[in-house]
Structure formats: structure tokens, C-alpha cells
Amino acid sequence: LGNAYFTKYRAKPTDMAYKGFESAYYFI
């Protein structure tokens, strides 16, 4: 997530980005 997020947005993923990633990956 850190690498993909930086590639797209040139920033470190925030706490909300982690939660969005985790919930989508896990529950889907």
C-alpha cells in the first residue's frame, strides 16, 4: 500500500487510506 499510494499520489497513505484498503481487500 505504501508503494502504490506513493506512486499514485506522491504521499504516504493516511490512517483512513489504510482502513479503506483493508476493508475492501478483506471483505470483498
mmCIF file of all heavy atoms, coordinates in Angstrom:
data_MODEL
# 
_entry.id   MODEL 
# 
loop_
_atom_site.group_PDB 
_atom_site.id 
_atom_site.type_symbol 
_atom_site.label_atom_id 
_atom_site.label_alt_id 
_atom_site.label_comp_id 
_atom_site.label_asym_id 
_atom_site.label_entity_id 
_atom_site.label_seq_id 
_atom_site.pdbx_PDB_ins_code 
_atom_site.Cartn_x 
_atom_site.Cartn_y 
_atom_site.Cartn_z 
_atom_site.occupancy 
_atom_site.B_iso_or_equiv 
_atom_site.pdbx_formal_charge 
_atom_site.auth_seq_id 
_atom_site.auth_comp_id 
_atom_site.auth_asym_id 
_atom_site.auth_atom_id 
_atom_site.pdbx_PDB_model_num 
ATOM 1   N N   . LEU A 1 1  ? 0.826   -1.202  0.000  1.00 0.00 ? 1  LEU A N   1 
ATOM 2   C CA  . LEU A 1 1  ? 0.000   0.000   0.000  1.00 0.00 ? 1  LEU A CA  1 
ATOM 3   C C   . LEU A 1 1  ? 0.862   1.255   0.000  1.00 0.00 ? 1  LEU A C   1 
ATOM 4   O O   . LEU A 1 1  ? 0.577   2.212   -0.729 1.00 0.00 ? 1  LEU A O   1 
ATOM 5   C CB  . LEU A 1 1  ? -0.921  -0.002  1.226  1.00 0.00 ? 1  LEU A CB  1 
ATOM 6   C CG  . LEU A 1 1  ? -1.775  1.263   1.415  1.00 0.00 ? 1  LEU A CG  1 
ATOM 7   C CD1 . LEU A 1 1  ? -2.668  1.511   0.209  1.00 0.00 ? 1  LEU A CD1 1 
ATOM 8   C CD2 . LEU A 1 1  ? -2.605  1.160   2.695  1.00 0.00 ? 1  LEU A CD2 1 
ATOM 9   N N   . GLY A 1 2  ? 1.926   1.245   0.795  1.00 0.00 ? 2  GLY A N   1 
ATOM 10  C CA  . GLY A 1 2  ? 2.793   2.418   0.845  1.00 0.00 ? 2  GLY A CA  1 
ATOM 11  C C   . GLY A 1 2  ? 3.395   2.738   -0.511 1.00 0.00 ? 2  GLY A C   1 
ATOM 12  O O   . GLY A 1 2  ? 3.419   3.900   -0.939 1.00 0.00 ? 2  GLY A O   1 
ATOM 13  N N   . ASN A 1 3  ? 3.861   1.715   -1.207 1.00 0.00 ? 3  ASN A N   1 
ATOM 14  C CA  . ASN A 1 3  ? 4.473   1.938   -2.519 1.00 0.00 ? 3  ASN A CA  1 
ATOM 15  C C   . ASN A 1 3  ? 3.442   2.374   -3.560 1.00 0.00 ? 3  ASN A C   1 
ATOM 16  O O   . ASN A 1 3  ? 3.675   3.307   -4.340 1.00 0.00 ? 3  ASN A O   1 
ATOM 17  C CB  . ASN A 1 3  ? 5.159   0.652   -2.997 1.00 0.00 ? 3  ASN A CB  1 
ATOM 18  C CG  . ASN A 1 3  ? 6.375   0.306   -2.151 1.00 0.00 ? 3  ASN A CG  1 
ATOM 19  O OD1 . ASN A 1 3  ? 6.992   1.181   -1.550 1.00 0.00 ? 3  ASN A OD1 1 
ATOM 20  N ND2 . ASN A 1 3  ? 6.713   -0.972  -2.085 1.00 0.00 ? 3  ASN A ND2 1 
ATOM 21  N N   . ALA A 1 4  ? 2.291   1.688   -3.567 1.00 0.00 ? 4  ALA A N   1 
ATOM 22  C CA  . ALA A 1 4  ? 1.258   2.016   -4.548 1.00 0.00 ? 4  ALA A CA  1 
ATOM 23  C C   . ALA A 1 4  ? 0.690   3.408   -4.302 1.00 0.00 ? 4  ALA A C   1 
ATOM 24  O O   . ALA A 1 4  ? 0.442   4.170   -5.253 1.00 0.00 ? 4  ALA A O   1 
ATOM 25  C CB  . ALA A 1 4  ? 0.141   0.978   -4.502 1.00 0.00 ? 4  ALA A CB  1 
ATOM 26  N N   . TYR A 1 5  ? 0.493   3.754   -3.051 1.00 0.00 ? 5  TYR A N   1 
ATOM 27  C CA  . TYR A 1 5  ? -0.069  5.064   -2.711 1.00 0.00 ? 5  TYR A CA  1 
ATOM 28  C C   . TYR A 1 5  ? 0.901   6.184   -3.094 1.00 0.00 ? 5  TYR A C   1 
ATOM 29  O O   . TYR A 1 5  ? 0.503   7.209   -3.655 1.00 0.00 ? 5  TYR A O   1 
ATOM 30  C CB  . TYR A 1 5  ? -0.381  5.117   -1.222 1.00 0.00 ? 5  TYR A CB  1 
ATOM 31  C CG  . TYR A 1 5  ? -1.350  6.200   -0.823 1.00 0.00 ? 5  TYR A CG  1 
ATOM 32  C CD1 . TYR A 1 5  ? -2.716  5.964   -0.794 1.00 0.00 ? 5  TYR A CD1 1 
ATOM 33  C CD2 . TYR A 1 5  ? -0.908  7.466   -0.457 1.00 0.00 ? 5  TYR A CD2 1 
ATOM 34  C CE1 . TYR A 1 5  ? -3.613  6.944   -0.432 1.00 0.00 ? 5  TYR A CE1 1 
ATOM 35  C CE2 . TYR A 1 5  ? -1.790  8.466   -0.083 1.00 0.00 ? 5  TYR A CE2 1 
ATOM 36  C CZ  . TYR A 1 5  ? -3.148  8.197   -0.071 1.00 0.00 ? 5  TYR A CZ  1 
ATOM 37  O OH  . TYR A 1 5  ? -4.033  9.199   0.297  1.00 0.00 ? 5  TYR A OH  1 
ATOM 38  N N   . PHE A 1 6  ? 2.186   5.962   -2.814 1.00 0.00 ? 6  PHE A N   1 
ATOM 39  C CA  . PHE A 1 6  ? 3.173   6.986   -3.163 1.00 0.00 ? 6  PHE A CA  1 
ATOM 40  C C   . PHE A 1 6  ? 3.282   7.150   -4.672 1.00 0.00 ? 6  PHE A C   1 
ATOM 41  O O   . PHE A 1 6  ? 3.418   8.261   -5.187 1.00 0.00 ? 6  PHE A O   1 
ATOM 42  C CB  . PHE A 1 6  ? 4.539   6.627   -2.573 1.00 0.00 ? 6  PHE A CB  1 
ATOM 43  C CG  . PHE A 1 6  ? 5.569   7.694   -2.792 1.00 0.00 ? 6  PHE A CG  1 
ATOM 44  C CD1 . PHE A 1 6  ? 5.622   8.800   -1.967 1.00 0.00 ? 6  PHE A CD1 1 
ATOM 45  C CD2 . PHE A 1 6  ? 6.480   7.603   -3.839 1.00 0.00 ? 6  PHE A CD2 1 
ATOM 46  C CE1 . PHE A 1 6  ? 6.561   9.808   -2.180 1.00 0.00 ? 6  PHE A CE1 1 
ATOM 47  C CE2 . PHE A 1 6  ? 7.422   8.588   -4.057 1.00 0.00 ? 6  PHE A CE2 1 
ATOM 48  C CZ  . PHE A 1 6  ? 7.471   9.703   -3.215 1.00 0.00 ? 6  PHE A CZ  1 
ATOM 49  N N   . THR A 1 7  ? 3.203   6.028   -5.396 1.00 0.00 ? 7  THR A N   1 
ATOM 50  C CA  . THR A 1 7  ? 3.266   6.084   -6.854 1.00 0.00 ? 7  THR A CA  1 
ATOM 51  C C   . THR A 1 7  ? 2.121   6.910   -7.425 1.00 0.00 ? 7  THR A C   1 
ATOM 52  O O   . THR A 1 7  ? 2.313   7.706   -8.358 1.00 0.00 ? 7  THR A O   1 
ATOM 53  C CB  . THR A 1 7  ? 3.223   4.666   -7.447 1.00 0.00 ? 7  THR A CB  1 
ATOM 54  O OG1 . THR A 1 7  ? 4.358   3.933   -6.980 1.00 0.00 ? 7  THR A OG1 1 
ATOM 55  C CG2 . THR A 1 7  ? 3.229   4.709   -8.973 1.00 0.00 ? 7  THR A CG2 1 
ATOM 56  N N   . LYS A 1 8  ? 0.935   6.761   -6.859 1.00 0.00 ? 8  LYS A N   1 
ATOM 57  C CA  . LYS A 1 8  ? -0.234  7.462   -7.382 1.00 0.00 ? 8  LYS A CA  1 
ATOM 58  C C   . LYS A 1 8  ? -0.346  8.896   -6.897 1.00 0.00 ? 8  LYS A C   1 
ATOM 59  O O   . LYS A 1 8  ? -0.717  9.785   -7.654 1.00 0.00 ? 8  LYS A O   1 
ATOM 60  C CB  . LYS A 1 8  ? -1.510  6.703   -6.997 1.00 0.00 ? 8  LYS A CB  1 
ATOM 61  C CG  . LYS A 1 8  ? -1.745  5.431   -7.787 1.00 0.00 ? 8  LYS A CG  1 
ATOM 62  C CD  . LYS A 1 8  ? -3.151  4.885   -7.527 1.00 0.00 ? 8  LYS A CD  1 
ATOM 63  C CE  . LYS A 1 8  ? -3.442  3.694   -8.444 1.00 0.00 ? 8  LYS A CE  1 
ATOM 64  N NZ  . LYS A 1 8  ? -4.842  3.217   -8.296 1.00 0.00 ? 8  LYS A NZ  1 
ATOM 65  N N   . TYR A 1 9  ? -0.022  9.112   -5.600 1.00 0.00 ? 9  TYR A N   1 
ATOM 66  C CA  . TYR A 1 9  ? -0.335  10.409  -5.009 1.00 0.00 ? 9  TYR A CA  1 
ATOM 67  C C   . TYR A 1 9  ? 0.875   11.158  -4.453 1.00 0.00 ? 9  TYR A C   1 
ATOM 68  O O   . TYR A 1 9  ? 0.717   12.251  -3.912 1.00 0.00 ? 9  TYR A O   1 
ATOM 69  C CB  . TYR A 1 9  ? -1.373  10.224  -3.889 1.00 0.00 ? 9  TYR A CB  1 
ATOM 70  C CG  . TYR A 1 9  ? -2.556  9.413   -4.339 1.00 0.00 ? 9  TYR A CG  1 
ATOM 71  C CD1 . TYR A 1 9  ? -2.850  8.177   -3.762 1.00 0.00 ? 9  TYR A CD1 1 
ATOM 72  C CD2 . TYR A 1 9  ? -3.381  9.870   -5.358 1.00 0.00 ? 9  TYR A CD2 1 
ATOM 73  C CE1 . TYR A 1 9  ? -3.929  7.424   -4.183 1.00 0.00 ? 9  TYR A CE1 1 
ATOM 74  C CE2 . TYR A 1 9  ? -4.465  9.120   -5.788 1.00 0.00 ? 9  TYR A CE2 1 
ATOM 75  C CZ  . TYR A 1 9  ? -4.725  7.896   -5.200 1.00 0.00 ? 9  TYR A CZ  1 
ATOM 76  O OH  . TYR A 1 9  ? -5.799  7.153   -5.631 1.00 0.00 ? 9  TYR A OH  1 
ATOM 77  N N   . ARG A 1 10 ? 2.056   10.555  -4.576 1.00 0.00 ? 10 ARG A N   1 
ATOM 78  C CA  . ARG A 1 10 ? 3.281   11.186  -4.076 1.00 0.00 ? 10 ARG A CA  1 
ATOM 79  C C   . ARG A 1 10 ? 3.146   11.584  -2.608 1.00 0.00 ? 10 ARG A C   1 
ATOM 80  O O   . ARG A 1 10 ? 3.526   12.676  -2.184 1.00 0.00 ? 10 ARG A O   1 
ATOM 81  C CB  . ARG A 1 10 ? 3.643   12.414  -4.929 1.00 0.00 ? 10 ARG A CB  1 
ATOM 82  C CG  . ARG A 1 10 ? 4.133   12.049  -6.321 1.00 0.00 ? 10 ARG A CG  1 
ATOM 83  C CD  . ARG A 1 10 ? 5.464   11.285  -6.228 1.00 0.00 ? 10 ARG A CD  1 
ATOM 84  N NE  . ARG A 1 10 ? 6.039   10.955  -7.519 1.00 0.00 ? 10 ARG A NE  1 
ATOM 85  C CZ  . ARG A 1 10 ? 5.863   9.823   -8.162 1.00 0.00 ? 10 ARG A CZ  1 
ATOM 86  N NH1 . ARG A 1 10 ? 5.099   8.877   -7.631 1.00 0.00 ? 10 ARG A NH1 1 
ATOM 87  N NH2 . ARG A 1 10 ? 6.441   9.593   -9.321 1.00 0.00 ? 10 ARG A NH2 1 
ATOM 88  N N   . ALA A 1 11 ? 2.583   10.676  -1.828 1.00 0.00 ? 11 ALA A N   1 
ATOM 89  C CA  . ALA A 1 11 ? 2.395   10.909  -0.398 1.00 0.00 ? 11 ALA A CA  1 
ATOM 90  C C   . ALA A 1 11 ? 2.314   9.574   0.317  1.00 0.00 ? 11 ALA A C   1 
ATOM 91  O O   . ALA A 1 11 ? 2.122   8.522   -0.309 1.00 0.00 ? 11 ALA A O   1 
ATOM 92  C CB  . ALA A 1 11 ? 1.116   11.722  -0.158 1.00 0.00 ? 11 ALA A CB  1 
ATOM 93  N N   . LYS A 1 12 ? 2.481   9.599   1.629  1.00 0.00 ? 12 LYS A N   1 
ATOM 94  C CA  . LYS A 1 12 ? 2.319   8.396   2.422  1.00 0.00 ? 12 LYS A CA  1 
ATOM 95  C C   . LYS A 1 12 ? 0.836   8.167   2.690  1.00 0.00 ? 12 LYS A C   1 
ATOM 96  O O   . LYS A 1 12 ? 0.084   9.122   2.883  1.00 0.00 ? 12 LYS A O   1 
ATOM 97  C CB  . LYS A 1 12 ? 3.068   8.526   3.752  1.00 0.00 ? 12 LYS A CB  1 
ATOM 98  C CG  . LYS A 1 12 ? 4.584   8.580   3.613  1.00 0.00 ? 12 LYS A CG  1 
ATOM 99  C CD  . LYS A 1 12 ? 5.240   8.666   4.991  1.00 0.00 ? 12 LYS A CD  1 
ATOM 100 C CE  . LYS A 1 12 ? 6.760   8.693   4.873  1.00 0.00 ? 12 LYS A CE  1 
ATOM 101 N NZ  . LYS A 1 12 ? 7.408   8.785   6.216  1.00 0.00 ? 12 LYS A NZ  1 
ATOM 102 N N   . PRO A 1 13 ? 0.396   6.912   2.721  1.00 0.00 ? 13 PRO A N   1 
ATOM 103 C CA  . PRO A 1 13 ? -1.015  6.654   2.997  1.00 0.00 ? 13 PRO A CA  1 
ATOM 104 C C   . PRO A 1 13 ? -1.389  7.069   4.411  1.00 0.00 ? 13 PRO A C   1 
ATOM 105 O O   . PRO A 1 13 ? -0.622  6.885   5.352  1.00 0.00 ? 13 PRO A O   1 
ATOM 106 C CB  . PRO A 1 13 ? -1.146  5.137   2.804  1.00 0.00 ? 13 PRO A CB  1 
ATOM 107 C CG  . PRO A 1 13 ? 0.240   4.596   2.965  1.00 0.00 ? 13 PRO A CG  1 
ATOM 108 C CD  . PRO A 1 13 ? 1.155   5.669   2.470  1.00 0.00 ? 13 PRO A CD  1 
ATOM 109 N N   . THR A 1 14 ? -2.562  7.644   4.547  1.00 0.00 ? 14 THR A N   1 
ATOM 110 C CA  . THR A 1 14 ? -3.052  8.061   5.849  1.00 0.00 ? 14 THR A CA  1 
ATOM 111 C C   . THR A 1 14 ? -3.752  6.898   6.549  1.00 0.00 ? 14 THR A C   1 
ATOM 112 O O   . THR A 1 14 ? -3.954  5.830   5.969  1.00 0.00 ? 14 THR A O   1 
ATOM 113 C CB  . THR A 1 14 ? -4.061  9.209   5.692  1.00 0.00 ? 14 THR A CB  1 
ATOM 114 O OG1 . THR A 1 14 ? -5.188  8.717   4.934  1.00 0.00 ? 14 THR A OG1 1 
ATOM 115 C CG2 . THR A 1 14 ? -3.427  10.384  4.960  1.00 0.00 ? 14 THR A CG2 1 
ATOM 116 N N   . ASP A 1 15 ? -4.142  7.135   7.793  1.00 0.00 ? 15 ASP A N   1 
ATOM 117 C CA  . ASP A 1 15 ? -4.875  6.130   8.557  1.00 0.00 ? 15 ASP A CA  1 
ATOM 118 C C   . ASP A 1 15 ? -6.162  5.731   7.832  1.00 0.00 ? 15 ASP A C   1 
ATOM 119 O O   . ASP A 1 15 ? -6.523  4.555   7.786  1.00 0.00 ? 15 ASP A O   1 
ATOM 120 C CB  . ASP A 1 15 ? -5.203  6.684   9.945  1.00 0.00 ? 15 ASP A CB  1 
ATOM 121 C CG  . ASP A 1 15 ? -5.997  5.704   10.796 1.00 0.00 ? 15 ASP A CG  1 
ATOM 122 O OD1 . ASP A 1 15 ? -5.480  4.602   11.056 1.00 0.00 ? 15 ASP A OD1 1 
ATOM 123 O OD2 . ASP A 1 15 ? -7.114  6.037   11.201 1.00 0.00 ? 15 ASP A OD2 1 
ATOM 124 N N   . MET A 1 16 ? -6.851  6.702   7.233  1.00 0.00 ? 16 MET A N   1 
ATOM 125 C CA  . MET A 1 16 ? -8.085  6.401   6.512  1.00 0.00 ? 16 MET A CA  1 
ATOM 126 C C   . MET A 1 16 ? -7.806  5.594   5.249  1.00 0.00 ? 16 MET A C   1 
ATOM 127 O O   . MET A 1 16 ? -8.606  4.734   4.862  1.00 0.00 ? 16 MET A O   1 
ATOM 128 C CB  . MET A 1 16 ? -8.822  7.693   6.167  1.00 0.00 ? 16 MET A CB  1 
ATOM 129 C CG  . MET A 1 16 ? -9.450  8.377   7.371  1.00 0.00 ? 16 MET A CG  1 
ATOM 130 S SD  . MET A 1 16 ? -10.705 7.349   8.190  1.00 0.00 ? 16 MET A SD  1 
ATOM 131 C CE  . MET A 1 16 ? -11.994 7.341   6.940  1.00 0.00 ? 16 MET A CE  1 
ATOM 132 N N   . ALA A 1 17 ? -6.681  5.839   4.613  1.00 0.00 ? 17 ALA A N   1 
ATOM 133 C CA  . ALA A 1 17 ? -6.324  5.052   3.430  1.00 0.00 ? 17 ALA A CA  1 
ATOM 134 C C   . ALA A 1 17 ? -6.083  3.596   3.813  1.00 0.00 ? 17 ALA A C   1 
ATOM 135 O O   . ALA A 1 17 ? -6.489  2.674   3.090  1.00 0.00 ? 17 ALA A O   1 
ATOM 136 C CB  . ALA A 1 17 ? -5.085  5.643   2.762  1.00 0.00 ? 17 ALA A CB  1 
ATOM 137 N N   . TYR A 1 18 ? -5.428  3.389   4.955  1.00 0.00 ? 18 TYR A N   1 
ATOM 138 C CA  . TYR A 1 18 ? -5.224  2.019   5.434  1.00 0.00 ? 18 TYR A CA  1 
ATOM 139 C C   . TYR A 1 18 ? -6.555  1.322   5.687  1.00 0.00 ? 18 TYR A C   1 
ATOM 140 O O   . TYR A 1 18 ? -6.744  0.155   5.335  1.00 0.00 ? 18 TYR A O   1 
ATOM 141 C CB  . TYR A 1 18 ? -4.394  2.028   6.723  1.00 0.00 ? 18 TYR A CB  1 
ATOM 142 C CG  . TYR A 1 18 ? -2.906  2.096   6.472  1.00 0.00 ? 18 TYR A CG  1 
ATOM 143 C CD1 . TYR A 1 18 ? -2.193  3.273   6.682  1.00 0.00 ? 18 TYR A CD1 1 
ATOM 144 C CD2 . TYR A 1 18 ? -2.206  0.976   6.029  1.00 0.00 ? 18 TYR A CD2 1 
ATOM 145 C CE1 . TYR A 1 18 ? -0.827  3.342   6.454  1.00 0.00 ? 18 TYR A CE1 1 
ATOM 146 C CE2 . TYR A 1 18 ? -0.838  1.035   5.801  1.00 0.00 ? 18 TYR A CE2 1 
ATOM 147 C CZ  . TYR A 1 18 ? -0.161  2.217   6.012  1.00 0.00 ? 18 TYR A CZ  1 
ATOM 148 O OH  . TYR A 1 18 ? 1.183   2.277   5.779  1.00 0.00 ? 18 TYR A OH  1 
ATOM 149 N N   . LYS A 1 19 ? -7.480  2.029   6.301  1.00 0.00 ? 19 LYS A N   1 
ATOM 150 C CA  . LYS A 1 19 ? -8.778  1.438   6.620  1.00 0.00 ? 19 LYS A CA  1 
ATOM 151 C C   . LYS A 1 19 ? -9.567  1.130   5.345  1.00 0.00 ? 19 LYS A C   1 
ATOM 152 O O   . LYS A 1 19 ? -10.263 0.117   5.274  1.00 0.00 ? 19 LYS A O   1 
ATOM 153 C CB  . LYS A 1 19 ? -9.562  2.368   7.537  1.00 0.00 ? 19 LYS A CB  1 
ATOM 154 C CG  . LYS A 1 19 ? -8.963  2.469   8.933  1.00 0.00 ? 19 LYS A CG  1 
ATOM 155 C CD  . LYS A 1 19 ? -9.688  3.480   9.805  1.00 0.00 ? 19 LYS A CD  1 
ATOM 156 C CE  . LYS A 1 19 ? -9.045  3.549   11.180 1.00 0.00 ? 19 LYS A CE  1 
ATOM 157 N NZ  . LYS A 1 19 ? -9.665  4.579   12.043 1.00 0.00 ? 19 LYS A NZ  1 
ATOM 158 N N   . GLY A 1 20 ? -9.469  2.021   4.371  1.00 0.00 ? 20 GLY A N   1 
ATOM 159 C CA  . GLY A 1 20 ? -10.148 1.767   3.108  1.00 0.00 ? 20 GLY A CA  1 
ATOM 160 C C   . GLY A 1 20 ? -9.569  0.566   2.393  1.00 0.00 ? 20 GLY A C   1 
ATOM 161 O O   . GLY A 1 20 ? -10.301 -0.289  1.878  1.00 0.00 ? 20 GLY A O   1 
ATOM 162 N N   . PHE A 1 21 ? -8.243  0.475   2.353  1.00 0.00 ? 21 PHE A N   1 
ATOM 163 C CA  . PHE A 1 21 ? -7.581  -0.659  1.718  1.00 0.00 ? 21 PHE A CA  1 
ATOM 164 C C   . PHE A 1 21 ? -7.953  -1.960  2.412  1.00 0.00 ? 21 PHE A C   1 
ATOM 165 O O   . PHE A 1 21 ? -8.353  -2.940  1.776  1.00 0.00 ? 21 PHE A O   1 
ATOM 166 C CB  . PHE A 1 21 ? -6.060  -0.458  1.753  1.00 0.00 ? 21 PHE A CB  1 
ATOM 167 C CG  . PHE A 1 21 ? -5.270  -1.586  1.148  1.00 0.00 ? 21 PHE A CG  1 
ATOM 168 C CD1 . PHE A 1 21 ? -4.890  -1.545  -0.182 1.00 0.00 ? 21 PHE A CD1 1 
ATOM 169 C CD2 . PHE A 1 21 ? -4.909  -2.698  1.904  1.00 0.00 ? 21 PHE A CD2 1 
ATOM 170 C CE1 . PHE A 1 21 ? -4.156  -2.579  -0.757 1.00 0.00 ? 21 PHE A CE1 1 
ATOM 171 C CE2 . PHE A 1 21 ? -4.183  -3.741  1.352  1.00 0.00 ? 21 PHE A CE2 1 
ATOM 172 C CZ  . PHE A 1 21 ? -3.811  -3.683  0.014  1.00 0.00 ? 21 PHE A CZ  1 
ATOM 173 N N   . GLU A 1 22 ? -7.821  -1.971  3.720  1.00 0.00 ? 22 GLU A N   1 
ATOM 174 C CA  . GLU A 1 22 ? -8.061  -3.189  4.484  1.00 0.00 ? 22 GLU A CA  1 
ATOM 175 C C   . GLU A 1 22 ? -9.499  -3.680  4.340  1.00 0.00 ? 22 GLU A C   1 
ATOM 176 O O   . GLU A 1 22 ? -9.741  -4.873  4.117  1.00 0.00 ? 22 GLU A O   1 
ATOM 177 C CB  . GLU A 1 22 ? -7.756  -2.941  5.958  1.00 0.00 ? 22 GLU A CB  1 
ATOM 178 C CG  . GLU A 1 22 ? -8.035  -4.123  6.866  1.00 0.00 ? 22 GLU A CG  1 
ATOM 179 C CD  . GLU A 1 22 ? -7.683  -3.828  8.297  1.00 0.00 ? 22 GLU A CD  1 
ATOM 180 O OE1 . GLU A 1 22 ? -8.234  -2.848  8.863  1.00 0.00 ? 22 GLU A OE1 1 
ATOM 181 O OE2 . GLU A 1 22 ? -6.846  -4.547  8.868  1.00 0.00 ? 22 GLU A OE2 1 
ATOM 182 N N   . SER A 1 23 ? -10.460 -2.780  4.467  1.00 0.00 ? 23 SER A N   1 
ATOM 183 C CA  . SER A 1 23 ? -11.864 -3.194  4.416  1.00 0.00 ? 23 SER A CA  1 
ATOM 184 C C   . SER A 1 23 ? -12.235 -3.713  3.042  1.00 0.00 ? 23 SER A C   1 
ATOM 185 O O   . SER A 1 23 ? -12.953 -4.716  2.909  1.00 0.00 ? 23 SER A O   1 
ATOM 186 C CB  . SER A 1 23 ? -12.780 -2.036  4.818  1.00 0.00 ? 23 SER A CB  1 
ATOM 187 O OG  . SER A 1 23 ? -12.596 -0.910  3.988  1.00 0.00 ? 23 SER A OG  1 
ATOM 188 N N   . ALA A 1 24 ? -11.755 -3.064  1.984  1.00 0.00 ? 24 ALA A N   1 
ATOM 189 C CA  . ALA A 1 24 ? -12.069 -3.526  0.629  1.00 0.00 ? 24 ALA A CA  1 
ATOM 190 C C   . ALA A 1 24 ? -11.426 -4.880  0.355  1.00 0.00 ? 24 ALA A C   1 
ATOM 191 O O   . ALA A 1 24 ? -12.088 -5.804  -0.131 1.00 0.00 ? 24 ALA A O   1 
ATOM 192 C CB  . ALA A 1 24 ? -11.607 -2.496  -0.402 1.00 0.00 ? 24 ALA A CB  1 
ATOM 193 N N   . TYR A 1 25 ? -10.153 -5.005  0.679  1.00 0.00 ? 25 TYR A N   1 
ATOM 194 C CA  . TYR A 1 25 ? -9.455  -6.262  0.407  1.00 0.00 ? 25 TYR A CA  1 
ATOM 195 C C   . TYR A 1 25 ? -10.052 -7.408  1.215  1.00 0.00 ? 25 TYR A C   1 
ATOM 196 O O   . TYR A 1 25 ? -10.331 -8.492  0.679  1.00 0.00 ? 25 TYR A O   1 
ATOM 197 C CB  . TYR A 1 25 ? -7.965  -6.117  0.733  1.00 0.00 ? 25 TYR A CB  1 
ATOM 198 C CG  . TYR A 1 25 ? -7.158  -7.358  0.399  1.00 0.00 ? 25 TYR A CG  1 
ATOM 199 C CD1 . TYR A 1 25 ? -6.585  -7.515  -0.868 1.00 0.00 ? 25 TYR A CD1 1 
ATOM 200 C CD2 . TYR A 1 25 ? -6.987  -8.380  1.335  1.00 0.00 ? 25 TYR A CD2 1 
ATOM 201 C CE1 . TYR A 1 25 ? -5.871  -8.667  -1.183 1.00 0.00 ? 25 TYR A CE1 1 
ATOM 202 C CE2 . TYR A 1 25 ? -6.275  -9.517  1.030  1.00 0.00 ? 25 TYR A CE2 1 
ATOM 203 C CZ  . TYR A 1 25 ? -5.720  -9.662  -0.228 1.00 0.00 ? 25 TYR A CZ  1 
ATOM 204 O OH  . TYR A 1 25 ? -5.023  -10.801 -0.532 1.00 0.00 ? 25 TYR A OH  1 
ATOM 205 N N   . TYR A 1 26 ? -10.253 -7.186  2.502  1.00 0.00 ? 26 TYR A N   1 
ATOM 206 C CA  . TYR A 1 26 ? -10.685 -8.253  3.402  1.00 0.00 ? 26 TYR A CA  1 
ATOM 207 C C   . TYR A 1 26 ? -12.107 -8.722  3.092  1.00 0.00 ? 26 TYR A C   1 
ATOM 208 O O   . TYR A 1 26 ? -12.348 -9.915  2.860  1.00 0.00 ? 26 TYR A O   1 
ATOM 209 C CB  . TYR A 1 26 ? -10.600 -7.747  4.836  1.00 0.00 ? 26 TYR A CB  1 
ATOM 210 C CG  . TYR A 1 26 ? -10.898 -8.784  5.896  1.00 0.00 ? 26 TYR A CG  1 
ATOM 211 C CD1 . TYR A 1 26 ? -9.940  -9.716  6.281  1.00 0.00 ? 26 TYR A CD1 1 
ATOM 212 C CD2 . TYR A 1 26 ? -12.138 -8.816  6.539  1.00 0.00 ? 26 TYR A CD2 1 
ATOM 213 C CE1 . TYR A 1 26 ? -10.207 -10.656 7.260  1.00 0.00 ? 26 TYR A CE1 1 
ATOM 214 C CE2 . TYR A 1 26 ? -12.411 -9.757  7.515  1.00 0.00 ? 26 TYR A CE2 1 
ATOM 215 C CZ  . TYR A 1 26 ? -11.445 -10.675 7.882  1.00 0.00 ? 26 TYR A CZ  1 
ATOM 216 O OH  . TYR A 1 26 ? -11.714 -11.610 8.848  1.00 0.00 ? 26 TYR A OH  1 
ATOM 217 N N   . PHE A 1 27 ? -13.046 -7.809  3.057  1.00 0.00 ? 27 PHE A N   1 
ATOM 218 C CA  . PHE A 1 27 ? -14.442 -8.210  2.949  1.00 0.00 ? 27 PHE A CA  1 
ATOM 219 C C   . PHE A 1 27 ? -14.850 -8.605  1.532  1.00 0.00 ? 27 PHE A C   1 
ATOM 220 O O   . PHE A 1 27 ? -15.705 -9.476  1.364  1.00 0.00 ? 27 PHE A O   1 
ATOM 221 C CB  . PHE A 1 27 ? -15.343 -7.109  3.502  1.00 0.00 ? 27 PHE A CB  1 
ATOM 222 C CG  . PHE A 1 27 ? -15.193 -6.925  4.984  1.00 0.00 ? 27 PHE A CG  1 
ATOM 223 C CD1 . PHE A 1 27 ? -14.492 -5.845  5.496  1.00 0.00 ? 27 PHE A CD1 1 
ATOM 224 C CD2 . PHE A 1 27 ? -15.715 -7.854  5.865  1.00 0.00 ? 27 PHE A CD2 1 
ATOM 225 C CE1 . PHE A 1 27 ? -14.326 -5.680  6.865  1.00 0.00 ? 27 PHE A CE1 1 
ATOM 226 C CE2 . PHE A 1 27 ? -15.565 -7.710  7.233  1.00 0.00 ? 27 PHE A CE2 1 
ATOM 227 C CZ  . PHE A 1 27 ? -14.865 -6.616  7.740  1.00 0.00 ? 27 PHE A CZ  1 
ATOM 228 N N   . ILE A 1 28 ? -14.236 -8.013  0.523  1.00 0.00 ? 28 ILE A N   1 
ATOM 229 C CA  . ILE A 1 28 ? -14.575 -8.434  -0.842 1.00 0.00 ? 28 ILE A CA  1 
ATOM 230 C C   . ILE A 1 28 ? -14.010 -9.822  -1.116 1.00 0.00 ? 28 ILE A C   1 
ATOM 231 O O   . ILE A 1 28 ? -14.632 -10.638 -1.800 1.00 0.00 ? 28 ILE A O   1 
ATOM 232 C CB  . ILE A 1 28 ? -14.085 -7.409  -1.875 1.00 0.00 ? 28 ILE A CB  1 
ATOM 233 C CG1 . ILE A 1 28 ? -14.847 -6.091  -1.696 1.00 0.00 ? 28 ILE A CG1 1 
ATOM 234 C CG2 . ILE A 1 28 ? -14.302 -7.926  -3.297 1.00 0.00 ? 28 ILE A CG2 1 
ATOM 235 C CD1 . ILE A 1 28 ? -14.412 -4.977  -2.635 1.00 0.00 ? 28 ILE A CD1 1 
# 
